[in-house]
């Protein structure tokens, strides 16, 4: 018997006896037919069933892995975004600090120039005063040398 004939006989045994003299289903015969059908089924059907079950597990695992990857990517993107913002803030603060340093440096250079100008002015006044004193002393000395008696010579 082939597989289709066995299935037909099992169907007849289970559903075929109807009518006035309805007899009981022969369970022993049904079990025999069922066992014969199982033996005749190609092993590839069992393997296909295993493949389907494996496929479902693989898809579930793949879905879990994909969800984990997406979650990690979102967390990494958030972290990078936060890091990027921190970096931008740090760069801005660095530029501001550098600008302030240049301003302070320019201010110190200007104050130093003003202080040096004041020192040179005071030195110039000192030397002018000293030069005037030297000129006066020289003129007095010349007058005393030319007139040893204390009289002025013309």
N, C-alpha and C. Protein backbone atom coordinates (compact mmCIF):
# COMPACT_ATOMS: atom_id res chain seq x y z
N UNK A 1 0.83 -1.18 0.00
CA UNK A 1 0.00 0.00 0.00
C UNK A 1 0.88 1.24 0.00
N UNK A 2 0.35 2.26 -0.69
CA UNK A 2 1.10 3.51 -0.67
C UNK A 2 0.52 4.44 0.40
N UNK A 3 1.13 5.55 0.55
CA UNK A 3 0.77 6.50 1.60
C UNK A 3 -0.66 6.99 1.44
N UNK A 4 -1.06 7.33 0.25
CA UNK A 4 -2.42 7.83 0.01
C UNK A 4 -3.47 6.76 0.33
N UNK A 5 -3.20 5.51 -0.01
CA UNK A 5 -4.14 4.42 0.30
C UNK A 5 -4.28 4.23 1.80
N UNK A 6 -3.16 4.33 2.52
CA UNK A 6 -3.21 4.20 3.99
C UNK A 6 -4.03 5.32 4.61
N UNK A 7 -3.83 6.53 4.13
CA UNK A 7 -4.59 7.68 4.66
C UNK A 7 -6.08 7.49 4.35
N UNK A 8 -6.41 7.03 3.16
CA UNK A 8 -7.81 6.81 2.79
C UNK A 8 -8.43 5.74 3.68
N UNK A 9 -7.73 4.64 3.92
CA UNK A 9 -8.25 3.58 4.78
C UNK A 9 -8.45 4.08 6.20
N UNK A 10 -7.52 4.88 6.70
CA UNK A 10 -7.67 5.44 8.06
C UNK A 10 -8.88 6.35 8.10
N UNK A 11 -9.08 7.13 7.07
CA UNK A 11 -10.24 8.02 6.99
C UNK A 11 -11.53 7.21 6.98
N UNK A 12 -11.55 6.14 6.20
CA UNK A 12 -12.73 5.27 6.13
C UNK A 12 -13.01 4.64 7.49
N UNK A 13 -11.96 4.22 8.17
CA UNK A 13 -12.13 3.58 9.48
C UNK A 13 -12.71 4.57 10.47
N UNK A 14 -12.25 5.82 10.42
CA UNK A 14 -12.69 6.81 11.40
C UNK A 14 -14.05 7.43 11.04
N UNK A 15 -14.31 7.64 9.76
CA UNK A 15 -15.50 8.39 9.37
C UNK A 15 -16.47 7.62 8.47
N UNK A 16 -16.08 6.49 7.94
CA UNK A 16 -16.86 5.84 6.89
C UNK A 16 -18.03 5.02 7.35
N UNK A 17 -18.14 4.56 8.52
CA UNK A 17 -19.21 3.65 8.94
C UNK A 17 -20.34 4.44 9.58
N UNK A 18 -21.27 4.82 8.78
CA UNK A 18 -22.42 5.54 9.30
C UNK A 18 -23.68 4.84 8.83
N UNK A 19 -24.67 5.08 9.49
CA UNK A 19 -25.94 4.49 9.03
C UNK A 19 -26.63 3.72 10.14
N UNK A 20 -27.51 2.80 9.71
CA UNK A 20 -28.35 2.06 10.63
C UNK A 20 -27.55 1.14 11.54
N UNK A 21 -26.59 0.51 11.00
CA UNK A 21 -25.81 -0.43 11.81
C UNK A 21 -24.42 0.14 12.08
N UNK A 22 -24.40 1.24 12.67
CA UNK A 22 -23.15 1.95 12.94
C UNK A 22 -22.30 1.08 13.86
N UNK A 23 -21.13 0.78 13.38
CA UNK A 23 -20.24 -0.02 14.21
C UNK A 23 -19.19 0.87 14.83
N UNK A 24 -18.55 0.29 15.76
CA UNK A 24 -17.50 1.05 16.46
C UNK A 24 -16.24 1.10 15.61
N UNK A 25 -15.42 2.16 15.88
CA UNK A 25 -14.14 2.32 15.20
C UNK A 25 -13.17 1.31 15.77
N UNK A 26 -12.45 0.64 14.88
CA UNK A 26 -11.44 -0.34 15.31
C UNK A 26 -10.16 0.44 15.63
N UNK A 27 -9.96 0.71 16.91
CA UNK A 27 -8.81 1.51 17.35
C UNK A 27 -7.50 0.80 17.05
N UNK A 28 -7.49 -0.52 17.17
CA UNK A 28 -6.27 -1.27 16.88
C UNK A 28 -5.87 -1.07 15.44
N UNK A 29 -6.87 -1.18 14.53
CA UNK A 29 -6.59 -0.98 13.11
C UNK A 29 -6.14 0.45 12.85
N UNK A 30 -6.74 1.42 13.51
CA UNK A 30 -6.35 2.84 13.33
C UNK A 30 -4.90 3.04 13.77
N UNK A 31 -4.53 2.44 14.87
CA UNK A 31 -3.15 2.57 15.36
C UNK A 31 -2.19 1.94 14.38
N UNK A 32 -2.55 0.77 13.86
CA UNK A 32 -1.69 0.10 12.87
C UNK A 32 -1.52 0.99 11.64
N UNK A 33 -2.62 1.54 11.15
CA UNK A 33 -2.55 2.41 9.97
C UNK A 33 -1.69 3.66 10.25
N UNK A 34 -1.91 4.19 11.42
CA UNK A 34 -1.14 5.39 11.80
C UNK A 34 0.35 5.08 11.85
N UNK A 35 0.72 3.95 12.46
CA UNK A 35 2.13 3.55 12.54
C UNK A 35 2.70 3.32 11.14
N UNK A 36 1.92 2.69 10.29
CA UNK A 36 2.36 2.44 8.91
C UNK A 36 2.57 3.76 8.16
N UNK A 37 1.69 4.69 8.38
CA UNK A 37 1.82 6.02 7.75
C UNK A 37 3.10 6.70 8.25
N UNK A 38 3.34 6.64 9.53
CA UNK A 38 4.56 7.26 10.09
C UNK A 38 5.81 6.65 9.48
N UNK A 39 5.80 5.31 9.32
CA UNK A 39 6.97 4.64 8.73
C UNK A 39 7.16 5.04 7.27
N UNK A 40 6.08 5.29 6.58
CA UNK A 40 6.16 5.60 5.16
C UNK A 40 6.51 7.06 4.89
N UNK A 41 6.31 7.90 5.90
CA UNK A 41 6.65 9.32 5.70
C UNK A 41 8.15 9.44 5.49
N UNK A 42 8.54 10.24 4.54
CA UNK A 42 9.98 10.40 4.30
C UNK A 42 10.64 11.11 5.48
N UNK A 43 11.89 10.76 5.77
CA UNK A 43 12.60 11.41 6.88
C UNK A 43 12.74 12.93 6.68
N UNK A 44 12.66 13.36 5.44
CA UNK A 44 12.79 14.79 5.18
C UNK A 44 11.66 15.59 5.81
N UNK A 45 10.47 14.96 6.00
CA UNK A 45 9.37 15.68 6.68
C UNK A 45 9.73 15.94 8.14
N UNK A 46 10.34 14.96 8.78
CA UNK A 46 10.76 15.14 10.17
C UNK A 46 11.85 16.21 10.23
N UNK A 47 12.76 16.11 9.28
CA UNK A 47 13.83 17.12 9.22
C UNK A 47 13.26 18.49 8.93
N UNK A 48 12.27 18.55 8.06
CA UNK A 48 11.64 19.84 7.73
C UNK A 48 10.98 20.43 8.97
N UNK A 49 10.34 19.55 9.76
CA UNK A 49 9.72 20.02 11.00
C UNK A 49 10.78 20.58 11.94
N UNK A 50 11.91 19.87 12.03
CA UNK A 50 13.01 20.36 12.87
C UNK A 50 13.56 21.68 12.34
N UNK A 51 13.63 21.77 11.01
CA UNK A 51 14.13 23.02 10.39
C UNK A 51 13.19 24.17 10.70
N UNK A 52 11.87 23.90 10.61
CA UNK A 52 10.89 24.95 10.91
C UNK A 52 11.02 25.40 12.37
N UNK A 53 11.16 24.43 13.28
CA UNK A 53 11.31 24.79 14.70
C UNK A 53 12.63 25.53 14.92
N UNK A 54 13.69 25.05 14.26
CA UNK A 54 14.99 25.72 14.38
C UNK A 54 14.90 27.13 13.81
N UNK A 55 14.20 27.24 12.68
CA UNK A 55 14.04 28.54 12.04
C UNK A 55 13.35 29.52 12.99
N UNK A 56 12.32 29.04 13.66
CA UNK A 56 11.60 29.91 14.60
C UNK A 56 12.53 30.35 15.74
N UNK A 57 13.33 29.42 16.27
CA UNK A 57 14.27 29.78 17.34
C UNK A 57 15.33 30.75 16.81
N UNK A 58 15.79 30.47 15.58
CA UNK A 58 16.81 31.34 14.99
C UNK A 58 16.25 32.74 14.78
N UNK A 59 15.01 32.82 14.28
CA UNK A 59 14.38 34.13 14.08
C UNK A 59 14.18 34.87 15.40
N UNK A 60 13.77 34.12 16.43
CA UNK A 60 13.60 34.75 17.75
C UNK A 60 14.93 35.27 18.26
N UNK A 61 15.97 34.43 18.11
CA UNK A 61 17.31 34.86 18.56
C UNK A 61 17.80 36.05 17.74
N UNK A 62 17.56 35.98 16.42
CA UNK A 62 17.98 37.09 15.56
C UNK A 62 17.25 38.37 15.93
N UNK A 63 15.96 38.23 16.25
CA UNK A 63 15.18 39.40 16.66
C UNK A 63 15.74 39.97 17.96
N UNK A 64 16.06 39.09 18.91
CA UNK A 64 16.63 39.54 20.18
C UNK A 64 17.97 40.23 19.95
N UNK A 65 18.81 39.60 19.13
CA UNK A 65 20.12 40.19 18.84
C UNK A 65 19.94 41.55 18.14
N UNK A 66 19.02 41.60 17.19
CA UNK A 66 18.77 42.86 16.47
C UNK A 66 18.30 43.95 17.44
N UNK A 67 17.40 43.59 18.34
CA UNK A 67 16.91 44.57 19.32
C UNK A 67 18.05 45.06 20.21
N UNK A 68 18.92 44.13 20.62
CA UNK A 68 20.07 44.51 21.44
C UNK A 68 21.01 45.42 20.68
N UNK A 69 21.25 45.11 19.41
CA UNK A 69 22.13 45.94 18.58
C UNK A 69 21.53 47.33 18.42
N UNK A 70 20.24 47.39 18.16
CA UNK A 70 19.57 48.69 18.02
C UNK A 70 19.67 49.48 19.31
N UNK A 71 19.44 48.81 20.43
CA UNK A 71 19.51 49.48 21.73
C UNK A 71 20.93 50.01 21.98
N UNK A 72 21.94 49.17 21.71
CA UNK A 72 23.32 49.60 21.89
C UNK A 72 23.65 50.75 20.96
N UNK A 73 23.18 50.68 19.73
CA UNK A 73 23.44 51.76 18.76
C UNK A 73 22.80 53.06 19.23
N UNK A 74 21.58 52.97 19.73
CA UNK A 74 20.90 54.18 20.22
C UNK A 74 21.65 54.75 21.42
N UNK A 75 22.10 53.86 22.34
CA UNK A 75 22.85 54.33 23.50
C UNK A 75 24.17 54.96 23.07
N UNK A 76 24.84 54.33 22.11
CA UNK A 76 26.11 54.86 21.62
C UNK A 76 25.90 56.20 20.92
N UNK A 77 24.83 56.28 20.13
CA UNK A 77 24.52 57.54 19.44
C UNK A 77 24.25 58.64 20.47
N UNK A 78 23.51 58.30 21.51
CA UNK A 78 23.23 59.27 22.56
C UNK A 78 24.53 59.70 23.24
N UNK A 79 25.38 58.71 23.55
CA UNK A 79 26.66 59.00 24.19
C UNK A 79 27.53 59.89 23.30
N UNK A 80 27.58 59.54 22.00
CA UNK A 80 28.37 60.35 21.07
C UNK A 80 27.81 61.75 20.95
N UNK A 81 26.48 61.83 20.95
CA UNK A 81 25.84 63.14 20.88
C UNK A 81 26.20 63.97 22.11
N UNK A 82 26.11 63.32 23.28
CA UNK A 82 26.47 64.02 24.52
C UNK A 82 27.94 64.39 24.51
N UNK A 83 28.80 63.46 24.05
CA UNK A 83 30.23 63.73 23.97
C UNK A 83 30.49 64.88 23.01
N UNK A 84 29.77 64.88 21.91
CA UNK A 84 29.92 65.95 20.93
C UNK A 84 29.53 67.29 21.54
N UNK A 85 28.44 67.29 22.28
CA UNK A 85 28.00 68.53 22.94
C UNK A 85 29.03 68.97 23.97
N UNK A 86 29.57 68.02 24.73
CA UNK A 86 30.60 68.35 25.73
C UNK A 86 31.82 68.92 25.02
N UNK A 87 32.19 68.30 23.90
CA UNK A 87 33.33 68.78 23.14
C UNK A 87 33.09 70.19 22.61
N UNK A 88 31.88 70.44 22.09
CA UNK A 88 31.55 71.77 21.58
C UNK A 88 31.62 72.81 22.70
N UNK A 89 31.09 72.45 23.86
CA UNK A 89 31.12 73.37 25.00
C UNK A 89 32.57 73.63 25.42
N UNK A 90 33.37 72.55 25.47
CA UNK A 90 34.78 72.70 25.86
C UNK A 90 35.53 73.57 24.85
N UNK A 91 35.26 73.37 23.56
CA UNK A 91 35.91 74.19 22.53
C UNK A 91 35.51 75.66 22.68
N UNK A 92 34.23 75.90 22.93
CA UNK A 92 33.75 77.27 23.11
C UNK A 92 34.42 77.91 24.32
N UNK A 93 34.48 77.16 25.43
CA UNK A 93 35.11 77.70 26.63
C UNK A 93 36.60 77.93 26.40
N UNK A 94 37.23 77.03 25.64
CA UNK A 94 38.65 77.19 25.32
C UNK A 94 38.89 78.44 24.50
N UNK A 95 38.03 78.66 23.48
CA UNK A 95 38.16 79.87 22.67
C UNK A 95 37.96 81.12 23.53
N UNK A 96 36.97 81.08 24.42
CA UNK A 96 36.71 82.24 25.29
C UNK A 96 37.90 82.49 26.21
N UNK A 97 38.47 81.43 26.77
CA UNK A 97 39.63 81.57 27.65
C UNK A 97 40.82 82.14 26.87
N UNK A 98 41.03 81.66 25.64
CA UNK A 98 42.12 82.16 24.81
C UNK A 98 41.90 83.63 24.46
N UNK A 99 40.66 83.99 24.11
CA UNK A 99 40.35 85.39 23.81
C UNK A 99 40.61 86.28 25.03
N UNK A 100 40.17 85.81 26.20
CA UNK A 100 40.41 86.58 27.43
C UNK A 100 41.90 86.72 27.71
N UNK A 101 42.65 85.66 27.46
CA UNK A 101 44.11 85.71 27.68
C UNK A 101 44.74 86.72 26.75
N UNK A 102 44.33 86.73 25.46
CA UNK A 102 44.87 87.71 24.52
C UNK A 102 44.51 89.14 24.95
N UNK A 103 43.29 89.34 25.42
CA UNK A 103 42.88 90.67 25.88
C UNK A 103 43.72 91.11 27.07
N UNK A 104 43.92 90.17 28.03
CA UNK A 104 44.73 90.51 29.21
C UNK A 104 46.18 90.80 28.80
N UNK A 105 46.68 90.02 27.86
CA UNK A 105 48.05 90.23 27.38
C UNK A 105 48.17 91.60 26.71
N UNK A 106 47.21 91.93 25.85
CA UNK A 106 47.21 93.24 25.20
C UNK A 106 47.14 94.37 26.23
N UNK A 107 46.32 94.16 27.26
CA UNK A 107 46.19 95.16 28.31
C UNK A 107 47.51 95.32 29.08
N UNK A 108 48.17 94.19 29.37
CA UNK A 108 49.44 94.26 30.08
C UNK A 108 50.52 94.93 29.23
N UNK A 109 50.53 94.63 27.94
CA UNK A 109 51.49 95.28 27.04
C UNK A 109 51.25 96.79 27.03
N UNK A 110 49.98 97.20 26.94
CA UNK A 110 49.65 98.62 26.92
C UNK A 110 50.06 99.29 28.24
N UNK A 111 49.78 98.63 29.36
CA UNK A 111 50.16 99.19 30.67
C UNK A 111 51.67 99.29 30.80
N UNK A 112 52.38 98.27 30.28
CA UNK A 112 53.84 98.28 30.33
C UNK A 112 54.39 99.43 29.51
N UNK A 113 53.84 99.64 28.31
CA UNK A 113 54.27 100.77 27.47
C UNK A 113 54.04 102.10 28.17
N UNK A 114 52.85 102.24 28.79
CA UNK A 114 52.54 103.48 29.50
C UNK A 114 53.50 103.69 30.67
N UNK A 115 53.80 102.60 31.39
CA UNK A 115 54.71 102.69 32.53
C UNK A 115 56.12 103.06 32.06
N UNK A 116 56.58 102.42 30.97
CA UNK A 116 57.91 102.74 30.43
C UNK A 116 57.95 104.18 29.95
N UNK A 117 56.88 104.65 29.29
CA UNK A 117 56.84 106.05 28.83
C UNK A 117 56.96 107.00 30.01
N UNK A 118 56.27 106.66 31.11
CA UNK A 118 56.34 107.50 32.31
C UNK A 118 57.75 107.49 32.89
N UNK A 119 58.37 106.30 32.91
CA UNK A 119 59.75 106.20 33.44
C UNK A 119 60.72 107.00 32.57
N UNK A 120 60.55 106.88 31.22
CA UNK A 120 61.42 107.64 30.32
C UNK A 120 61.20 109.15 30.50
N UNK A 121 59.97 109.55 30.71
CA UNK A 121 59.66 110.97 30.92
C UNK A 121 60.35 111.46 32.20
N UNK A 122 60.24 110.68 33.27
CA UNK A 122 60.88 111.07 34.54
C UNK A 122 62.41 111.10 34.38
N UNK A 123 62.94 110.09 33.62
CA UNK A 123 64.38 110.06 33.39
C UNK A 123 64.81 111.28 32.57
N UNK A 124 64.00 111.61 31.55
CA UNK A 124 64.30 112.78 30.73
C UNK A 124 64.29 114.05 31.57
N UNK A 125 63.30 114.19 32.44
CA UNK A 125 63.22 115.36 33.32
C UNK A 125 64.43 115.39 34.24
N UNK A 126 64.79 114.21 34.78
CA UNK A 126 65.96 114.14 35.67
C UNK A 126 67.23 114.57 34.93
N UNK A 127 67.40 114.00 33.69
CA UNK A 127 68.60 114.35 32.93
C UNK A 127 68.58 115.82 32.49
N UNK A 128 67.42 116.38 32.15
CA UNK A 128 67.33 117.79 31.80
C UNK A 128 67.72 118.65 33.00
N UNK A 129 67.21 118.26 34.16
CA UNK A 129 67.54 118.99 35.39
C UNK A 129 69.04 118.88 35.69
N UNK A 130 69.55 117.65 35.52
CA UNK A 130 70.99 117.44 35.77
C UNK A 130 71.81 118.22 34.77
N UNK A 131 71.38 118.20 33.47
CA UNK A 131 72.09 118.94 32.44
C UNK A 131 72.06 120.44 32.73
N UNK A 132 70.92 120.93 33.17
CA UNK A 132 70.82 122.36 33.52
C UNK A 132 71.74 122.69 34.69
N UNK A 133 71.78 121.78 35.65
CA UNK A 133 72.66 122.00 36.80
C UNK A 133 74.12 121.99 36.35
N UNK A 134 74.46 121.06 35.45
CA UNK A 134 75.83 120.97 34.93
C UNK A 134 76.17 122.24 34.16
N UNK A 135 75.25 122.71 33.32
CA UNK A 135 75.48 123.93 32.55
C UNK A 135 75.69 125.13 33.48
N UNK A 136 74.82 125.18 34.49
CA UNK A 136 74.93 126.29 35.43
C UNK A 136 76.27 126.22 36.15
N UNK A 137 76.63 125.03 36.60
CA UNK A 137 77.90 124.86 37.33
C UNK A 137 79.08 125.18 36.41
N UNK A 138 79.00 124.79 35.17
CA UNK A 138 80.08 125.03 34.20
C UNK A 138 80.20 126.53 33.93
N UNK A 139 79.05 127.15 33.76
CA UNK A 139 79.08 128.60 33.51
C UNK A 139 79.67 129.33 34.73
N UNK A 140 79.30 128.88 35.89
CA UNK A 140 79.85 129.50 37.11
C UNK A 140 81.35 129.23 37.20
N UNK A 141 81.72 128.00 36.82
CA UNK A 141 83.14 127.63 36.86
C UNK A 141 83.92 128.46 35.85
N UNK A 142 83.38 128.64 34.69
CA UNK A 142 84.04 129.43 33.67
C UNK A 142 84.22 130.87 34.15
N UNK A 143 83.20 131.33 34.78
CA UNK A 143 83.28 132.70 35.28
C UNK A 143 84.33 132.82 36.38
N UNK A 144 84.50 131.81 37.18
CA UNK A 144 85.47 131.86 38.26
C UNK A 144 86.87 131.66 37.73
N UNK A 145 87.03 130.89 36.69
CA UNK A 145 88.35 130.61 36.13
C UNK A 145 88.85 131.83 35.37
N UNK A 146 88.01 132.49 34.70
CA UNK A 146 88.41 133.63 33.90
C UNK A 146 88.70 134.85 34.78
N UNK A 147 88.11 134.91 35.90
CA UNK A 147 88.31 136.02 36.79
C UNK A 147 88.71 135.47 38.15
N UNK A 148 89.99 135.24 38.36
CA UNK A 148 90.43 134.63 39.59
C UNK A 148 90.19 135.55 40.80
N UNK A 149 90.04 136.83 40.66
CA UNK A 149 89.85 137.72 41.79
C UNK A 149 88.38 137.81 42.21
N UNK A 150 87.59 137.20 41.48
CA UNK A 150 86.17 137.25 41.81
C UNK A 150 85.49 138.33 41.02
N UNK A 151 86.27 139.09 40.25
CA UNK A 151 85.69 140.11 39.40
C UNK A 151 85.34 139.50 38.06
N UNK A 152 84.35 139.96 37.59
CA UNK A 152 83.91 139.43 36.31
C UNK A 152 84.65 140.07 35.20
N UNK A 153 85.03 139.23 34.29
CA UNK A 153 85.68 139.76 33.09
C UNK A 153 84.69 139.62 31.94
N UNK A 154 84.82 140.63 31.15
CA UNK A 154 83.93 140.62 30.01
C UNK A 154 84.65 140.14 28.79
